[in-house]
Amino acid sequence: AEKRAERDATRSACMSGIEAARAQMVRIQAELTAARHLQAKAAAAAAEAESAGEDPAAAAAAAVPSAGAETDEEKSRRQALQIQARGLRHELAKWKHQVELMEVEQP
């Protein structure tokens, strides 16, 4: 009975970890989608300006002010999020493996 309770507690902890990792991955994917949207908006503005004979870089910066040159702070934040996402994917794989091992051990 004690082994069973320990197994159930471990399984519960594993599932909580998996759910937390999934939630974080969803947040990161939403940030990535928003960044891609801003990038596409800037690219469209630059292409439109170039076809009109204007400065594409200025048009892109005007269309999306924050989509201009990436600041050091933004670059650092992006890199930190990428590292965090990689770590969470690794942790998720580890917990999935733990759950699989526990399911195999079940009598």
PDB file of N, CA and C in Angstrom:
ATOM      1  N   ALA A   1       0.836  -1.194   0.000  1.00  0.00           N
ATOM      2  CA  ALA A   1       0.000   0.000   0.000  1.00  0.00           C
ATOM      3  C   ALA A   1       0.876   1.252   0.000  1.00  0.00           C
ATOM      4  N   GLU A   2       1.991   1.188   0.749  1.00  0.00           N
ATOM      5  CA  GLU A   2       2.886   2.346   0.801  1.00  0.00           C
ATOM      6  C   GLU A   2       3.532   2.588  -0.568  1.00  0.00           C
ATOM      7  N   LYS A   3       3.921   1.498  -1.235  1.00  0.00           N
ATOM      8  CA  LYS A   3       4.509   1.620  -2.575  1.00  0.00           C
ATOM      9  C   LYS A   3       3.507   2.229  -3.543  1.00  0.00           C
ATOM     10  N   ARG A   4       2.258   1.796  -3.398  1.00  0.00           N
ATOM     11  CA  ARG A   4       1.208   2.293  -4.291  1.00  0.00           C
ATOM     12  C   ARG A   4       0.985   3.796  -4.074  1.00  0.00           C
ATOM     13  N   ALA A   5       0.969   4.218  -2.811  1.00  0.00           N
ATOM     14  CA  ALA A   5       0.786   5.639  -2.515  1.00  0.00           C
ATOM     15  C   ALA A   5       1.969   6.450  -3.048  1.00  0.00           C
ATOM     16  N   GLU A   6       3.164   5.912  -2.891  1.00  0.00           N
ATOM     17  CA  GLU A   6       4.347   6.597  -3.406  1.00  0.00           C
ATOM     18  C   GLU A   6       4.299   6.696  -4.931  1.00  0.00           C
ATOM     19  N   ARG A   7       3.889   5.618  -5.571  1.00  0.00           N
ATOM     20  CA  ARG A   7       3.771   5.606  -7.024  1.00  0.00           C
ATOM     21  C   ARG A   7       2.723   6.621  -7.489  1.00  0.00           C
ATOM     22  N   ASP A   8       1.585   6.656  -6.794  1.00  0.00           N
ATOM     23  CA  ASP A   8       0.526   7.606  -7.156  1.00  0.00           C
ATOM     24  C   ASP A   8       0.988   9.052  -6.963  1.00  0.00           C
ATOM     25  N   ALA A   9       1.722   9.288  -5.886  1.00  0.00           N
ATOM     26  CA  ALA A   9       2.229  10.645  -5.648  1.00  0.00           C
ATOM     27  C   ALA A   9       3.241  11.044  -6.719  1.00  0.00           C
ATOM     28  N   THR A  10       4.098  10.103  -7.093  1.00  0.00           N
ATOM     29  CA  THR A  10       5.083  10.379  -8.141  1.00  0.00           C
ATOM     30  C   THR A  10       4.397  10.628  -9.471  1.00  0.00           C
ATOM     31  N   ARG A  11       3.408   9.821  -9.767  1.00  0.00           N
ATOM     32  CA  ARG A  11       2.656   9.998 -11.016  1.00  0.00           C
ATOM     33  C   ARG A  11       1.963  11.359 -11.025  1.00  0.00           C
ATOM     34  N   SER A  12       1.385  11.734  -9.908  1.00  0.00           N
ATOM     35  CA  SER A  12       0.715  13.026  -9.817  1.00  0.00           C
ATOM     36  C   SER A  12       1.706  14.170 -10.023  1.00  0.00           C
ATOM     37  N   ALA A  13       2.869  14.047  -9.412  1.00  0.00           N
ATOM     38  CA  ALA A  13       3.900  15.067  -9.581  1.00  0.00           C
ATOM     39  C   ALA A  13       4.373  15.126 -11.034  1.00  0.00           C
ATOM     40  N   CYS A  14       4.530  13.973 -11.649  1.00  0.00           N
ATOM     41  CA  CYS A  14       4.944  13.925 -13.054  1.00  0.00           C
ATOM     42  C   CYS A  14       3.915  14.608 -13.946  1.00  0.00           C
ATOM     43  N   MET A  15       2.660  14.300 -13.718  1.00  0.00           N
ATOM     44  CA  MET A  15       1.601  14.882 -14.545  1.00  0.00           C
ATOM     45  C   MET A  15       1.514  16.391 -14.327  1.00  0.00           C
ATOM     46  N   SER A  16       1.727  16.840 -13.102  1.00  0.00           N
ATOM     47  CA  SER A  16       1.730  18.282 -12.831  1.00  0.00           C
ATOM     48  C   SER A  16       2.880  18.958 -13.573  1.00  0.00           C
ATOM     49  N   GLY A  17       4.032  18.330 -13.563  1.00  0.00           N
ATOM     50  CA  GLY A  17       5.184  18.861 -14.284  1.00  0.00           C
ATOM     51  C   GLY A  17       4.944  18.922 -15.778  1.00  0.00           C
ATOM     52  N   ILE A  18       4.320  17.893 -16.310  1.00  0.00           N
ATOM     53  CA  ILE A  18       4.012  17.860 -17.738  1.00  0.00           C
ATOM     54  C   ILE A  18       3.029  18.972 -18.090  1.00  0.00           C
ATOM     55  N   GLU A  19       2.007  19.151 -17.287  1.00  0.00           N
ATOM     56  CA  GLU A  19       1.018  20.203 -17.552  1.00  0.00           C
ATOM     57  C   GLU A  19       1.651  21.596 -17.464  1.00  0.00           C
ATOM     58  N   ALA A  20       2.526  21.793 -16.492  1.00  0.00           N
ATOM     59  CA  ALA A  20       3.200  23.089 -16.364  1.00  0.00           C
ATOM     60  C   ALA A  20       4.087  23.350 -17.580  1.00  0.00           C
ATOM     61  N   ALA A  21       4.783  22.325 -18.036  1.00  0.00           N
ATOM     62  CA  ALA A  21       5.634  22.472 -19.218  1.00  0.00           C
ATOM     63  C   ALA A  21       4.802  22.781 -20.452  1.00  0.00           C
ATOM     64  N   ARG A  22       3.681  22.109 -20.591  1.00  0.00           N
ATOM     65  CA  ARG A  22       2.793  22.383 -21.731  1.00  0.00           C
ATOM     66  C   ARG A  22       2.278  23.813 -21.695  1.00  0.00           C
ATOM     67  N   ALA A  23       1.886  24.291 -20.529  1.00  0.00           N
ATOM     68  CA  ALA A  23       1.385  25.662 -20.403  1.00  0.00           C
ATOM     69  C   ALA A  23       2.479  26.658 -20.780  1.00  0.00           C
ATOM     70  N   GLN A  24       3.685  26.414 -20.334  1.00  0.00           N
ATOM     71  CA  GLN A  24       4.795  27.305 -20.673  1.00  0.00           C
ATOM     72  C   GLN A  24       5.075  27.273 -22.166  1.00  0.00           C
ATOM     73  N   MET A  25       5.020  26.112 -22.767  1.00  0.00           N
ATOM     74  CA  MET A  25       5.252  26.001 -24.204  1.00  0.00           C
ATOM     75  C   MET A  25       4.170  26.752 -24.985  1.00  0.00           C
ATOM     76  N   VAL A  26       2.929  26.707 -24.514  1.00  0.00           N
ATOM     77  CA  VAL A  26       1.855  27.446 -25.167  1.00  0.00           C
ATOM     78  C   VAL A  26       2.128  28.948 -25.085  1.00  0.00           C
ATOM     79  N   ARG A  27       2.581  29.418 -23.924  1.00  0.00           N
ATOM     80  CA  ARG A  27       2.908  30.838 -23.770  1.00  0.00           C
ATOM     81  C   ARG A  27       4.037  31.243 -24.712  1.00  0.00           C
ATOM     82  N   ILE A  28       5.047  30.428 -24.802  1.00  0.00           N
ATOM     83  CA  ILE A  28       6.182  30.731 -25.666  1.00  0.00           C
ATOM     84  C   ILE A  28       5.746  30.717 -27.129  1.00  0.00           C
ATOM     85  N   GLN A  29       4.898  29.766 -27.501  1.00  0.00           N
ATOM     86  CA  GLN A  29       4.396  29.724 -28.874  1.00  0.00           C
ATOM     87  C   GLN A  29       3.580  30.972 -29.190  1.00  0.00           C
ATOM     88  N   ALA A  30       2.805  31.460 -28.241  1.00  0.00           N
ATOM     89  CA  ALA A  30       2.020  32.680 -28.456  1.00  0.00           C
ATOM     90  C   ALA A  30       2.945  33.875 -28.662  1.00  0.00           C
ATOM     91  N   GLU A  31       4.016  33.957 -27.886  1.00  0.00           N
ATOM     92  CA  GLU A  31       4.983  35.040 -28.064  1.00  0.00           C
ATOM     93  C   GLU A  31       5.654  34.944 -29.429  1.00  0.00           C
ATOM     94  N   LEU A  32       5.987  33.749 -29.846  1.00  0.00           N
ATOM     95  CA  LEU A  32       6.616  33.550 -31.139  1.00  0.00           C
ATOM     96  C   LEU A  32       5.671  33.939 -32.274  1.00  0.00           C
ATOM     97  N   THR A  33       4.400  33.581 -32.157  1.00  0.00           N
ATOM     98  CA  THR A  33       3.406  33.948 -33.164  1.00  0.00           C
ATOM     99  C   THR A  33       3.277  35.463 -33.257  1.00  0.00           C
ATOM    100  N   ALA A  34       3.239  36.128 -32.119  1.00  0.00           N
ATOM    101  CA  ALA A  34       3.144  37.594 -32.111  1.00  0.00           C
ATOM    102  C   ALA A  34       4.378  38.212 -32.768  1.00  0.00           C
ATOM    103  N   ALA A  35       5.537  37.685 -32.476  1.00  0.00           N
ATOM    104  CA  ALA A  35       6.767  38.208 -33.071  1.00  0.00           C
ATOM    105  C   ALA A  35       6.779  37.999 -34.577  1.00  0.00           C
ATOM    106  N   ARG A  36       6.324  36.842 -35.022  1.00  0.00           N
ATOM    107  CA  ARG A  36       6.263  36.577 -36.463  1.00  0.00           C
ATOM    108  C   ARG A  36       5.264  37.504 -37.147  1.00  0.00           C
ATOM    109  N   HIS A  37       4.158  37.780 -36.474  1.00  0.00           N
ATOM    110  CA  HIS A  37       3.159  38.694 -37.027  1.00  0.00           C
ATOM    111  C   HIS A  37       3.768  40.091 -37.207  1.00  0.00           C
ATOM    112  N   LEU A  38       4.479  40.574 -36.194  1.00  0.00           N
ATOM    113  CA  LEU A  38       5.124  41.878 -36.296  1.00  0.00           C
ATOM    114  C   LEU A  38       6.169  41.899 -37.408  1.00  0.00           C
ATOM    115  N   GLN A  39       6.911  40.819 -37.525  1.00  0.00           N
ATOM    116  CA  GLN A  39       7.928  40.729 -38.558  1.00  0.00           C
ATOM    117  C   GLN A  39       7.288  40.748 -39.943  1.00  0.00           C
ATOM    118  N   ALA A  40       6.194  40.029 -40.122  1.00  0.00           N
ATOM    119  CA  ALA A  40       5.501  40.009 -41.409  1.00  0.00           C
ATOM    120  C   ALA A  40       4.932  41.387 -41.741  1.00  0.00           C
ATOM    121  N   LYS A  41       4.404  42.065 -40.736  1.00  0.00           N
ATOM    122  CA  LYS A  41       3.857  43.409 -40.943  1.00  0.00           C
ATOM    123  C   LYS A  41       4.956  44.364 -41.398  1.00  0.00           C
ATOM    124  N   ALA A  42       6.114  44.292 -40.772  1.00  0.00           N
ATOM    125  CA  ALA A  42       7.238  45.151 -41.145  1.00  0.00           C
ATOM    126  C   ALA A  42       7.730  44.821 -42.550  1.00  0.00           C
ATOM    127  N   ALA A  43       7.790  43.541 -42.874  1.00  0.00           N
ATOM    128  CA  ALA A  43       8.248  43.128 -44.201  1.00  0.00           C
ATOM    129  C   ALA A  43       7.281  43.608 -45.281  1.00  0.00           C
ATOM    130  N   ALA A  44       5.987  43.524 -45.013  1.00  0.00           N
ATOM    131  CA  ALA A  44       4.989  43.985 -45.977  1.00  0.00           C
ATOM    132  C   ALA A  44       5.115  45.495 -46.188  1.00  0.00           C
ATOM    133  N   ALA A  45       5.310  46.239 -45.122  1.00  0.00           N
ATOM    134  CA  ALA A  45       5.465  47.688 -45.232  1.00  0.00           C
ATOM    135  C   ALA A  45       6.729  48.036 -46.010  1.00  0.00           C
ATOM    136  N   ALA A  46       7.806  47.299 -45.789  1.00  0.00           N
ATOM    137  CA  ALA A  46       9.057  47.546 -46.492  1.00  0.00           C
ATOM    138  C   ALA A  46       8.907  47.249 -47.980  1.00  0.00           C
ATOM    139  N   ALA A  47       8.241  46.155 -48.314  1.00  0.00           N
ATOM    140  CA  ALA A  47       8.038  45.803 -49.723  1.00  0.00           C
ATOM    141  C   ALA A  47       7.170  46.846 -50.424  1.00  0.00           C
ATOM    142  N   GLU A  48       6.140  47.310 -49.740  1.00  0.00           N
ATOM    143  CA  GLU A  48       5.261  48.330 -50.305  1.00  0.00           C
ATOM    144  C   GLU A  48       6.028  49.638 -50.538  1.00  0.00           C
ATOM    145  N   ALA A  49       6.848  50.021 -49.595  1.00  0.00           N
ATOM    146  CA  ALA A  49       7.638  51.248 -49.718  1.00  0.00           C
ATOM    147  C   ALA A  49       8.669  51.124 -50.836  1.00  0.00           C
ATOM    148  N   GLU A  50       9.261  49.939 -50.953  1.00  0.00           N
ATOM    149  CA  GLU A  50      10.267  49.732 -51.992  1.00  0.00           C
ATOM    150  C   GLU A  50       9.641  49.834 -53.377  1.00  0.00           C
ATOM    151  N   SER A  51       8.450  49.286 -53.537  1.00  0.00           N
ATOM    152  CA  SER A  51       7.771  49.363 -54.836  1.00  0.00           C
ATOM    153  C   SER A  51       7.344  50.798 -55.139  1.00  0.00           C
ATOM    154  N   ALA A  52       7.151  51.615 -54.124  1.00  0.00           N
ATOM    155  CA  ALA A  52       6.774  53.021 -54.308  1.00  0.00           C
ATOM    156  C   ALA A  52       8.009  53.924 -54.398  1.00  0.00           C
ATOM    157  N   GLY A  53       9.210  53.329 -54.340  1.00  0.00           N
ATOM    158  CA  GLY A  53      10.436  54.094 -54.450  1.00  0.00           C
ATOM    159  C   GLY A  53      10.835  54.796 -53.171  1.00  0.00           C
ATOM    160  N   GLU A  54      10.311  54.381 -52.039  1.00  0.00           N
ATOM    161  CA  GLU A  54      10.648  54.994 -50.753  1.00  0.00           C
ATOM    162  C   GLU A  54      11.661  54.129 -50.019  1.00  0.00           C
ATOM    163  N   ASP A  55      12.091  54.592 -48.854  1.00  0.00           N
ATOM    164  CA  ASP A  55      13.064  53.859 -48.043  1.00  0.00           C
ATOM    165  C   ASP A  55      12.359  52.700 -47.326  1.00  0.00           C
ATOM    166  N   PRO A  56      12.689  51.457 -47.686  1.00  0.00           N
ATOM    167  CA  PRO A  56      12.003  50.307 -47.058  1.00  0.00           C
ATOM    168  C   PRO A  56      12.268  50.183 -45.558  1.00  0.00           C
ATOM    169  N   ALA A  57      13.480  50.506 -45.131  1.00  0.00           N
ATOM    170  CA  ALA A  57      13.804  50.380 -43.706  1.00  0.00           C
ATOM    171  C   ALA A  57      12.989  51.357 -42.878  1.00  0.00           C
ATOM    172  N   ALA A  58      12.849  52.585 -43.377  1.00  0.00           N
ATOM    173  CA  ALA A  58      12.074  53.593 -42.648  1.00  0.00           C
ATOM    174  C   ALA A  58      10.597  53.206 -42.607  1.00  0.00           C
ATOM    175  N   ALA A  59      10.097  52.649 -43.698  1.00  0.00           N
ATOM    176  CA  ALA A  59       8.697  52.234 -43.741  1.00  0.00           C
ATOM    177  C   ALA A  59       8.436  51.080 -42.774  1.00  0.00           C
ATOM    178  N   ALA A  60       9.370  50.147 -42.715  1.00  0.00           N
ATOM    179  CA  ALA A  60       9.209  49.009 -41.800  1.00  0.00           C
ATOM    180  C   ALA A  60       9.223  49.488 -40.354  1.00  0.00           C
ATOM    181  N   ALA A  61      10.139  50.400 -40.040  1.00  0.00           N
ATOM    182  CA  ALA A  61      10.226  50.918 -38.674  1.00  0.00           C
ATOM    183  C   ALA A  61       8.980  51.725 -38.316  1.00  0.00           C
ATOM    184  N   ALA A  62       8.444  52.455 -39.295  1.00  0.00           N
ATOM    185  CA  ALA A  62       7.235  53.244 -39.042  1.00  0.00           C
ATOM    186  C   ALA A  62       6.010  52.356 -38.888  1.00  0.00           C
ATOM    187  N   ALA A  63       5.960  51.257 -39.633  1.00  0.00           N
ATOM    188  CA  ALA A  63       4.807  50.350 -39.557  1.00  0.00           C
ATOM    189  C   ALA A  63       4.745  49.654 -38.215  1.00  0.00           C
ATOM    190  N   VAL A  64       5.889  49.247 -37.724  1.00  0.00           N
ATOM    191  CA  VAL A  64       5.974  48.549 -36.444  1.00  0.00           C
ATOM    192  C   VAL A  64       7.183  49.108 -35.706  1.00  0.00           C
ATOM    193  N   PRO A  65       6.982  50.109 -34.880  1.00  0.00           N
ATOM    194  CA  PRO A  65       8.127  50.756 -34.228  1.00  0.00           C
ATOM    195  C   PRO A  65       9.036  49.792 -33.477  1.00  0.00           C
ATOM    196  N   SER A  66       8.474  48.805 -32.814  1.00  0.00           N
ATOM    197  CA  SER A  66       9.309  47.887 -32.030  1.00  0.00           C
ATOM    198  C   SER A  66       9.931  46.799 -32.891  1.00  0.00           C
ATOM    199  N   ALA A  67       9.583  46.759 -34.179  1.00  0.00           N
ATOM    200  CA  ALA A  67      10.124  45.713 -35.043  1.00  0.00           C
ATOM    201  C   ALA A  67      11.375  46.178 -35.763  1.00  0.00           C
ATOM    202  N   GLY A  68      11.900  47.334 -35.392  1.00  0.00           N
ATOM    203  CA  GLY A  68      13.135  47.823 -35.998  1.00  0.00           C
ATOM    204  C   GLY A  68      14.289  46.947 -35.559  1.00  0.00           C
ATOM    205  N   ALA A  69      15.434  47.532 -35.385  1.00  0.00           N
ATOM    206  CA  ALA A  69      16.594  46.765 -34.947  1.00  0.00           C
ATOM    207  C   ALA A  69      16.340  46.208 -33.550  1.00  0.00           C
ATOM    208  N   GLU A  70      16.710  44.960 -33.381  1.00  0.00           N
ATOM    209  CA  GLU A  70      16.500  44.303 -32.089  1.00  0.00           C
ATOM    210  C   GLU A  70      17.496  44.863 -31.070  1.00  0.00           C
ATOM    211  N   THR A  71      16.983  45.308 -29.954  1.00  0.00           N
ATOM    212  CA  THR A  71      17.869  45.843 -28.924  1.00  0.00           C
ATOM    213  C   THR A  71      18.564  44.691 -28.201  1.00  0.00           C
ATOM    214  N   ASP A  72      19.600  45.025 -27.476  1.00  0.00           N
ATOM    215  CA  ASP A  72      20.325  43.994 -26.717  1.00  0.00           C
ATOM    216  C   ASP A  72      19.408  43.337 -25.692  1.00  0.00           C
ATOM    217  N   GLU A  73      18.541  44.143 -25.085  1.00  0.00           N
ATOM    218  CA  GLU A  73      17.617  43.608 -24.078  1.00  0.00           C
ATOM    219  C   GLU A  73      16.641  42.609 -24.715  1.00  0.00           C
ATOM    220  N   GLU A  74      16.102  42.960 -25.889  1.00  0.00           N
ATOM    221  CA  GLU A  74      15.172  42.058 -26.581  1.00  0.00           C
ATOM    222  C   GLU A  74      15.882  40.777 -27.007  1.00  0.00           C
ATOM    223  N   LYS A  75      17.115  40.937 -27.491  1.00  0.00           N
ATOM    224  CA  LYS A  75      17.888  39.770 -27.917  1.00  0.00           C
ATOM    225  C   LYS A  75      18.162  38.850 -26.726  1.00  0.00           C
ATOM    226  N   SER A  76      18.540  39.439 -25.609  1.00  0.00           N
ATOM    227  CA  SER A  76      18.799  38.648 -24.403  1.00  0.00           C
ATOM    228  C   SER A  76      17.542  37.929 -23.936  1.00  0.00           C
ATOM    229  N   ARG A  77      16.423  38.628 -23.964  1.00  0.00           N
ATOM    230  CA  ARG A  77      15.160  38.023 -23.541  1.00  0.00           C
ATOM    231  C   ARG A  77      14.778  36.869 -24.471  1.00  0.00           C
ATOM    232  N   ARG A  78      14.943  37.083 -25.787  1.00  0.00           N
ATOM    233  CA  ARG A  78      14.614  36.041 -26.759  1.00  0.00           C
ATOM    234  C   ARG A  78      15.495  34.817 -26.523  1.00  0.00           C
ATOM    235  N   GLN A  79      16.786  35.041 -26.317  1.00  0.00           N
ATOM    236  CA  GLN A  79      17.697  33.924 -26.080  1.00  0.00           C
ATOM    237  C   GLN A  79      17.359  33.199 -24.780  1.00  0.00           C
ATOM    238  N   ALA A  80      17.003  33.959 -23.756  1.00  0.00           N
ATOM    239  CA  ALA A  80      16.625  33.337 -22.481  1.00  0.00           C
ATOM    240  C   ALA A  80      15.373  32.481 -22.656  1.00  0.00           C
ATOM    241  N   LEU A  81      14.411  32.985 -23.422  1.00  0.00           N
ATOM    242  CA  LEU A  81      13.187  32.206 -23.663  1.00  0.00           C
ATOM    243  C   LEU A  81      13.485  30.945 -24.468  1.00  0.00           C
ATOM    244  N   GLN A  82      14.391  31.040 -25.440  1.00  0.00           N
ATOM    245  CA  GLN A  82      14.761  29.860 -26.209  1.00  0.00           C
ATOM    246  C   GLN A  82      15.429  28.813 -25.317  1.00  0.00           C
ATOM    247  N   ILE A  83      16.292  29.262 -24.439  1.00  0.00           N
ATOM    248  CA  ILE A  83      16.960  28.340 -23.518  1.00  0.00           C
ATOM    249  C   ILE A  83      15.941  27.714 -22.577  1.00  0.00           C
ATOM    250  N   GLN A  84      15.014  28.542 -22.090  1.00  0.00           N
ATOM    251  CA  GLN A  84      13.983  28.030 -21.189  1.00  0.00           C
ATOM    252  C   GLN A  84      13.092  27.020 -21.916  1.00  0.00           C
ATOM    253  N   ALA A  85      12.730  27.304 -23.151  1.00  0.00           N
ATOM    254  CA  ALA A  85      11.890  26.386 -23.925  1.00  0.00           C
ATOM    255  C   ALA A  85      12.618  25.056 -24.136  1.00  0.00           C
ATOM    256  N   ARG A  86      13.898  25.130 -24.448  1.00  0.00           N
ATOM    257  CA  ARG A  86      14.690  23.911 -24.642  1.00  0.00           C
ATOM    258  C   ARG A  86      14.729  23.096 -23.354  1.00  0.00           C
ATOM    259  N   GLY A  87      14.925  23.775 -22.243  1.00  0.00           N
ATOM    260  CA  GLY A  87      14.960  23.088 -20.951  1.00  0.00           C
ATOM    261  C   GLY A  87      13.623  22.448 -20.608  1.00  0.00           C
ATOM    262  N   LEU A  88      12.543  23.168 -20.905  1.00  0.00           N
ATOM    263  CA  LEU A  88      11.213  22.622 -20.623  1.00  0.00           C
ATOM    264  C   LEU A  88      10.900  21.418 -21.510  1.00  0.00           C
ATOM    265  N   ARG A  89      11.327  21.477 -22.776  1.00  0.00           N
ATOM    266  CA  ARG A  89      11.123  20.309 -23.648  1.00  0.00           C
ATOM    267  C   ARG A  89      11.871  19.104 -23.103  1.00  0.00           C
ATOM    268  N   HIS A  90      13.099  19.346 -22.627  1.00  0.00           N
ATOM    269  CA  HIS A  90      13.894  18.262 -22.046  1.00  0.00           C
ATOM    270  C   HIS A  90      13.213  17.709 -20.796  1.00  0.00           C
ATOM    271  N   GLU A  91      12.736  18.604 -19.939  1.00  0.00           N
ATOM    272  CA  GLU A  91      12.067  18.175 -18.714  1.00  0.00           C
ATOM    273  C   GLU A  91      10.789  17.400 -19.030  1.00  0.00           C
ATOM    274  N   LEU A  92      10.041  17.862 -20.022  1.00  0.00           N
ATOM    275  CA  LEU A  92       8.817  17.175 -20.422  1.00  0.00           C
ATOM    276  C   LEU A  92       9.132  15.763 -20.896  1.00  0.00           C
ATOM    277  N   ALA A  93      10.173  15.621 -21.699  1.00  0.00           N
ATOM    278  CA  ALA A  93      10.567  14.296 -22.178  1.00  0.00           C
ATOM    279  C   ALA A  93      10.978  13.401 -21.006  1.00  0.00           C
ATOM    280  N   LYS A  94      11.688  13.982 -20.046  1.00  0.00           N
ATOM    281  CA  LYS A  94      12.121  13.212 -18.867  1.00  0.00           C
ATOM    282  C   LYS A  94      10.910  12.700 -18.073  1.00  0.00           C
ATOM    283  N   TRP A  95       9.924  13.595 -17.840  1.00  0.00           N
ATOM    284  CA  TRP A  95       8.751  13.193 -17.066  1.00  0.00           C
ATOM    285  C   TRP A  95       7.901  12.184 -17.833  1.00  0.00           C
ATOM    286  N   LYS A  96       7.798  12.334 -19.130  1.00  0.00           N
ATOM    287  CA  LYS A  96       7.063  11.345 -19.926  1.00  0.00           C
ATOM    288  C   LYS A  96       7.723   9.978 -19.797  1.00  0.00           C
ATOM    289  N   HIS A  97       9.040   9.978 -19.823  1.00  0.00           N
ATOM    290  CA  HIS A  97       9.767   8.729 -19.668  1.00  0.00           C
ATOM    291  C   HIS A  97       9.514   8.122 -18.288  1.00  0.00           C
ATOM    292  N   GLN A  98       9.509   8.969 -17.255  1.00  0.00           N
ATOM    293  CA  GLN A  98       9.217   8.490 -15.896  1.00  0.00           C
ATOM    294  C   GLN A  98       7.837   7.842 -15.835  1.00  0.00           C
ATOM    295  N   VAL A  99       6.849   8.496 -16.447  1.00  0.00           N
ATOM    296  CA  VAL A  99       5.488   7.960 -16.439  1.00  0.00           C
ATOM    297  C   VAL A  99       5.452   6.627 -17.161  1.00  0.00           C
ATOM    298  N   GLU A 100       6.139   6.543 -18.300  1.00  0.00           N
ATOM    299  CA  GLU A 100       6.178   5.275 -19.037  1.00  0.00           C
ATOM    300  C   GLU A 100       6.798   4.163 -18.196  1.00  0.00           C
ATOM    301  N   LEU A 101       7.885   4.478 -17.496  1.00  0.00           N
ATOM    302  CA  LEU A 101       8.526   3.470 -16.645  1.00  0.00           C
ATOM    303  C   LEU A 101       7.595   3.018 -15.529  1.00  0.00           C
ATOM    304  N   MET A 102       6.858   3.954 -14.954  1.00  0.00           N
ATOM    305  CA  MET A 102       5.944   3.609 -13.864  1.00  0.00           C
ATOM    306  C   MET A 102       4.781   2.762 -14.383  1.00  0.00           C
ATOM    307  N   GLU A 103       4.316   3.048 -15.572  1.00  0.00           N
ATOM    308  CA  GLU A 103       3.220   2.265 -16.132  1.00  0.00           C
ATOM    309  C   GLU A 103       3.659   0.842 -16.442  1.00  0.00           C
ATOM    310  N   VAL A 104       4.909   0.670 -16.842  1.00  0.00           N
ATOM    311  CA  VAL A 104       5.443  -0.667 -17.119  1.00  0.00           C
ATOM    312  C   VAL A 104       5.554  -1.460 -15.821  1.00  0.00           C
ATOM    313  N   GLU A 105       5.878  -0.787 -14.717  1.00  0.00           N
ATOM    314  CA  GLU A 105       6.056  -1.460 -13.430  1.00  0.00           C
ATOM    315  C   GLU A 105       4.752  -1.871 -12.776  1.00  0.00           C
ATOM    316  N   GLN A 106       3.637  -1.337 -13.257  1.00  0.00           N
ATOM    317  CA  GLN A 106       2.361  -1.657 -12.636  1.00  0.00           C
ATOM    318  C   GLN A 106       2.089  -3.163 -12.734  1.00  0.00           C
ATOM    319  N   PRO A 107       1.547  -3.745 -11.638  1.00  0.00           N
ATOM    320  CA  PRO A 107       1.274  -5.184 -11.679  1.00  0.00           C
ATOM    321  C   PRO A 107       0.043  -5.501 -12.502  1.00  0.00           C
TER     322      PRO A 107
END
